[in-house]
Protein backbone atom coordinates (compact mmCIF):
# COMPACT_ATOMS: atom_id res chain seq x y z
CA TRP A 1 10.87 -12.82 1.92
CA GLY A 2 10.75 -15.82 3.86
CA ARG A 3 14.19 -17.14 5.46
CA GLU A 4 16.64 -15.90 3.05
CA GLY A 5 15.43 -12.59 3.19
CA GLN A 6 15.42 -12.93 7.28
CA ARG A 7 18.96 -13.85 7.14
CA LEU A 8 19.90 -11.10 4.79
CA LEU A 9 18.32 -9.28 7.32
CA ALA A 10 20.58 -10.19 10.24
CA ASP A 11 23.71 -9.24 8.53
CA LYS A 12 22.54 -5.63 7.85
CA ARG A 13 22.76 -2.13 9.59
CA ALA A 14 20.53 0.64 9.20
CA VAL A 15 21.12 4.29 11.28
CA VAL A 16 18.27 6.03 12.40
CA VAL A 17 19.09 9.77 12.48
CA GLY A 18 16.87 11.20 14.88
CA CYS A 19 14.80 9.64 17.81
CA GLY A 20 11.60 11.41 18.03
CA ALA A 21 8.39 10.89 16.92
CA LEU A 22 9.45 9.65 13.11
CA GLY A 23 12.67 7.96 14.04
CA SER A 24 11.13 6.03 17.61
CA HIS A 25 8.41 4.42 15.32
CA ILE A 26 10.99 3.76 12.60
CA ALA A 27 13.47 1.89 14.78
CA ASP A 28 10.40 -0.28 16.44
CA HIS A 29 9.65 -1.56 13.27
CA LEU A 30 13.14 -2.19 11.81
CA ALA A 31 13.97 -4.09 15.45
CA ARG A 32 11.00 -5.94 15.38
CA ALA A 33 11.36 -6.95 11.17
CA GLY A 34 14.63 -8.23 12.62
CA VAL A 35 17.45 -5.96 11.23
CA GLY A 36 20.71 -7.14 12.46
CA HIS A 37 22.46 -3.59 13.94
CA LEU A 38 20.97 -0.58 14.49
CA THR A 39 22.48 2.63 14.93
CA LEU A 40 20.13 5.51 16.84
CA ALA A 41 21.47 8.75 17.27
CA ASP A 42 19.70 12.13 18.51
CA ARG A 43 20.96 14.80 20.94
CA ASP A 44 17.85 15.26 22.68
CA PHE A 45 16.20 14.02 26.35
CA VAL A 46 12.81 12.58 26.70
CA GLU A 47 10.12 14.86 27.45
CA TRP A 48 6.55 15.12 29.16
CA HIS A 49 5.08 16.82 25.78
CA ASN A 50 6.50 13.76 23.63
CA LEU A 51 4.87 11.76 24.80
CA PRO A 52 1.45 11.90 22.80
CA ARG A 53 3.52 10.98 19.60
CA GLN A 54 6.62 9.40 20.29
CA ALA A 55 6.83 5.42 20.38
CA LEU A 56 9.28 3.53 22.90
CA TYR A 57 9.09 6.28 25.92
CA ASP A 58 7.41 6.48 29.06
CA GLU A 59 6.47 8.86 31.46
CA ALA A 60 9.56 7.21 34.03
CA ASP A 61 11.77 8.20 30.70
CA ALA A 62 10.36 11.71 30.62
CA ALA A 63 10.83 11.84 34.79
CA ALA A 64 14.64 11.32 34.20
CA GLY A 65 15.37 12.77 31.42
CA VAL A 66 16.58 10.21 29.77
CA PRO A 67 18.90 10.55 26.25
CA LYS A 68 15.97 9.29 23.20
CA ALA A 69 18.52 7.27 21.83
CA VAL A 70 19.65 5.24 24.99
CA ALA A 71 16.10 4.96 26.33
CA ALA A 72 15.04 3.97 22.68
CA ALA A 73 17.80 0.85 22.42
CA ARG A 74 17.15 0.27 26.08
CA ARG A 75 13.32 -0.61 24.86
CA LEU A 76 14.48 -2.10 21.46
CA ARG A 77 16.73 -4.45 23.38
CA GLU A 78 14.06 -6.00 25.45
CA ILE A 79 11.64 -6.20 22.28
CA ASN A 80 14.26 -8.33 20.34
CA SER A 81 17.51 -9.29 21.90
CA GLN A 82 19.31 -10.77 18.66
CA VAL A 83 19.54 -7.28 17.29
CA GLU A 84 23.00 -5.07 18.09
CA ILE A 85 21.63 -1.55 18.84
CA GLU A 86 23.97 1.13 19.83
CA ALA A 87 22.71 4.70 21.04
CA ARG A 88 24.48 7.32 19.93
CA VAL A 89 23.93 10.56 21.75
CA VAL A 90 24.98 13.37 19.28
CA ASP A 91 24.69 16.55 17.76
CA VAL A 92 24.17 15.57 14.07
CA ASN A 93 25.94 17.98 11.96
CA ALA A 94 29.16 18.59 9.67
CA ASP A 95 31.61 17.12 11.43
CA THR A 96 29.64 14.06 12.94
CA VAL A 97 27.47 12.96 10.01
CA GLU A 98 29.72 11.29 7.89
CA SER A 99 30.72 9.55 10.59
CA LEU A 100 27.97 8.53 11.63
CA ILE A 101 26.55 7.04 8.90
CA ALA A 102 30.23 5.03 7.92
CA GLY A 103 29.31 1.59 6.90
CA ALA A 104 25.76 1.91 6.73
CA ASP A 105 23.25 -0.21 4.19
CA VAL A 106 20.90 2.46 4.72
CA VAL A 107 19.90 5.87 6.70
CA MET A 108 16.40 6.42 8.25
CA ASP A 109 15.57 10.41 8.47
CA GLY A 110 14.15 10.47 11.51
CA ALA A 111 15.13 14.29 11.75
CA ASP A 112 13.28 17.64 12.88
CA ASN A 113 14.56 20.34 10.93
CA PHE A 114 16.55 20.69 6.86
CA GLU A 115 19.48 21.33 8.02
CA VAL A 116 19.86 17.28 8.90
CA ARG A 117 18.58 16.06 6.25
CA TYR A 118 20.05 18.01 3.67
CA LEU A 119 23.26 17.30 5.96
CA LEU A 120 22.40 13.35 5.13
CA ASN A 121 21.61 14.20 1.32
CA GLU A 122 24.53 15.50 1.00
CA ALA A 123 26.57 12.80 2.57
CA CYS A 124 24.85 9.77 1.37
CA VAL A 125 24.88 11.23 -1.80
CA LYS A 126 28.87 11.86 -1.87
CA HIS A 127 29.32 8.15 -0.41
CA GLY A 128 27.01 6.54 -2.43
CA ILE A 129 24.62 5.38 0.20
CA SER A 130 20.52 4.53 0.11
CA TRP A 131 18.61 6.71 2.60
CA VAL A 132 14.72 7.69 3.12
CA TYR A 133 13.67 11.28 4.00
CA GLY A 134 10.29 11.91 5.73
CA GLY A 135 9.06 14.51 7.53
CA VAL A 136 5.33 15.22 9.39
CA LEU A 137 3.26 18.44 9.96
CA GLY A 138 0.31 18.31 11.58
CA THR A 139 -1.72 15.68 9.98
CA TYR A 140 0.10 16.11 6.67
CA GLY A 141 3.18 14.03 5.97
CA LEU A 142 5.77 12.91 2.89
CA THR A 143 8.83 10.40 2.45
CA ALA A 144 11.12 9.27 -0.64
CA ALA A 145 13.63 6.74 -0.88
CA ILE A 146 16.90 8.48 -2.13
CA VAL A 147 19.12 5.87 -4.08
CA PRO A 148 22.48 8.07 -5.56
CA GLY A 149 22.90 7.13 -9.10
CA ASP A 150 19.76 6.05 -9.42
CA THR A 151 16.88 8.35 -8.20
CA PRO A 152 17.24 12.04 -7.75
CA CYS A 153 17.99 13.53 -4.03
CA LEU A 154 16.80 15.35 -1.70
CA ARG A 155 17.68 19.03 -3.03
CA CYS A 156 16.71 17.55 -6.43
CA LEU A 157 13.13 17.04 -5.83
CA LEU A 158 12.91 20.01 -2.95
CA GLY A 159 15.13 22.88 -4.18
CA PRO A 160 17.54 24.46 -2.02
CA MET A 161 17.32 24.04 1.80
CA PRO A 162 15.10 26.62 3.20
CA PRO A 163 15.59 29.34 5.40
CA PRO A 164 15.99 29.12 8.97
CA GLY A 165 12.30 29.78 10.39
CA SER A 166 11.08 30.51 7.22
CA VAL A 167 8.67 27.13 7.20
CA PRO A 168 6.62 25.76 10.20
CA THR A 169 7.64 23.34 12.65
CA CYS A 170 6.76 20.54 14.74
CA GLU A 171 7.13 22.83 17.88
CA THR A 172 5.08 25.45 16.03
CA ALA A 173 2.49 23.88 13.91
CA GLY A 174 1.89 20.48 15.93
CA VAL A 175 2.07 16.82 14.86
CA LEU A 176 -0.88 14.24 14.78
CA GLY A 177 0.29 11.07 16.05
CA PRO A 178 -1.52 8.75 13.53
CA ALA A 179 0.07 11.21 10.91
CA VAL A 180 3.46 9.70 11.77
CA SER A 181 2.75 6.50 12.52
CA VAL A 182 1.58 6.19 8.75
CA ILE A 183 4.17 8.03 7.23
CA ALA A 184 6.87 6.28 9.20
CA ALA A 185 5.26 2.78 7.58
CA LEU A 186 5.84 4.56 4.39
CA GLU A 187 9.15 5.04 4.89
CA THR A 188 10.53 1.80 6.67
CA THR A 189 8.70 0.25 4.05
CA GLU A 190 10.90 1.66 1.74
CA GLY A 191 14.11 1.31 3.83
CA LEU A 192 13.65 -2.28 4.11
CA LYS A 193 13.06 -2.52 0.08
CA ILE A 194 16.74 -1.32 0.06
CA LEU A 195 18.27 -3.71 3.32
CA LEU A 196 16.63 -6.68 1.42
CA GLU A 197 18.42 -5.56 -2.14
CA ARG A 198 15.03 -5.42 -3.48
CA GLN A 199 15.57 -1.76 -4.79
CA ASP A 200 13.89 -2.48 -8.00
CA GLU A 201 10.26 -2.69 -6.15
CA LEU A 202 11.21 1.05 -4.54
CA LEU A 203 8.23 3.22 -5.46
CA ARG A 204 10.40 5.68 -6.88
CA SER A 205 7.58 8.27 -6.05
CA LEU A 206 7.78 11.11 -3.73
CA MET A 207 4.67 10.05 -1.56
CA MET A 208 2.63 12.80 0.33
CA VAL A 209 -0.21 11.49 2.79
CA ASP A 210 -2.98 14.06 4.61
CA VAL A 211 -4.34 11.66 7.05
CA TRP A 212 -7.38 14.10 7.83
CA SER A 213 -8.37 14.33 4.43
CA GLY A 214 -7.14 11.34 3.65
CA ASP A 215 -5.77 12.22 1.06
CA PHE A 216 -2.73 10.39 -0.71
CA GLU A 217 -0.59 11.55 -3.72
CA ARG A 218 1.73 10.31 -5.58
CA VAL A 219 4.79 12.28 -7.92
CA ASN A 220 6.65 10.08 -9.68
CA THR A 221 10.30 10.50 -9.45
CA ALA A 222 12.01 7.96 -11.81
CA ARG A 223 15.01 8.64 -13.59
CA GLY A 224 13.93 11.34 -16.39
CA ASP A 225 10.77 12.39 -14.68
CA THR A 226 12.58 15.40 -13.23
């Protein structure tokens, strides 16, 4: 994207909600790309079982029980000191979500549950903020860019939010690290297109990937096709 694109990125703000498997990889990509301001939001602390699939953390972080947002911000400042990074140790809920995403150019989904994702969807649609959905379970993942007024929202794509406990979770089904890396790469690429103001190049698809079987599938989400 050249020097002009790099200058554009330097003026942009991205919010990464969740600093676990997906979120830590996404934040790493965005910081290395030179996005000017990153807000990292997560309420959890680094634990030993996070290390096989979550970037930016090490054994010292797990031993000390450092908040994920704090540990991620510290590491990213060492990677790219020109990026302004804000760590928010916060529970993302109906009371905090709108203030968290205020002023964002894009919101990146690194959450680990549907409740937070649907909160993000409603808040971003309400305020006209583009966001990128992503999720991984086992060896399988999916992602889609949501541009209010231009693409279907998450509820339009997936239907009503599943009842709590009705679907497997990372805790119950596990997550393969390489699957996280693939979905994070796809998700971040769509986010960069939004930040670079190149929405016309978005995939406009729900991308579904199983890295174990090697299956890739795209479901067109262009307006009029859903």
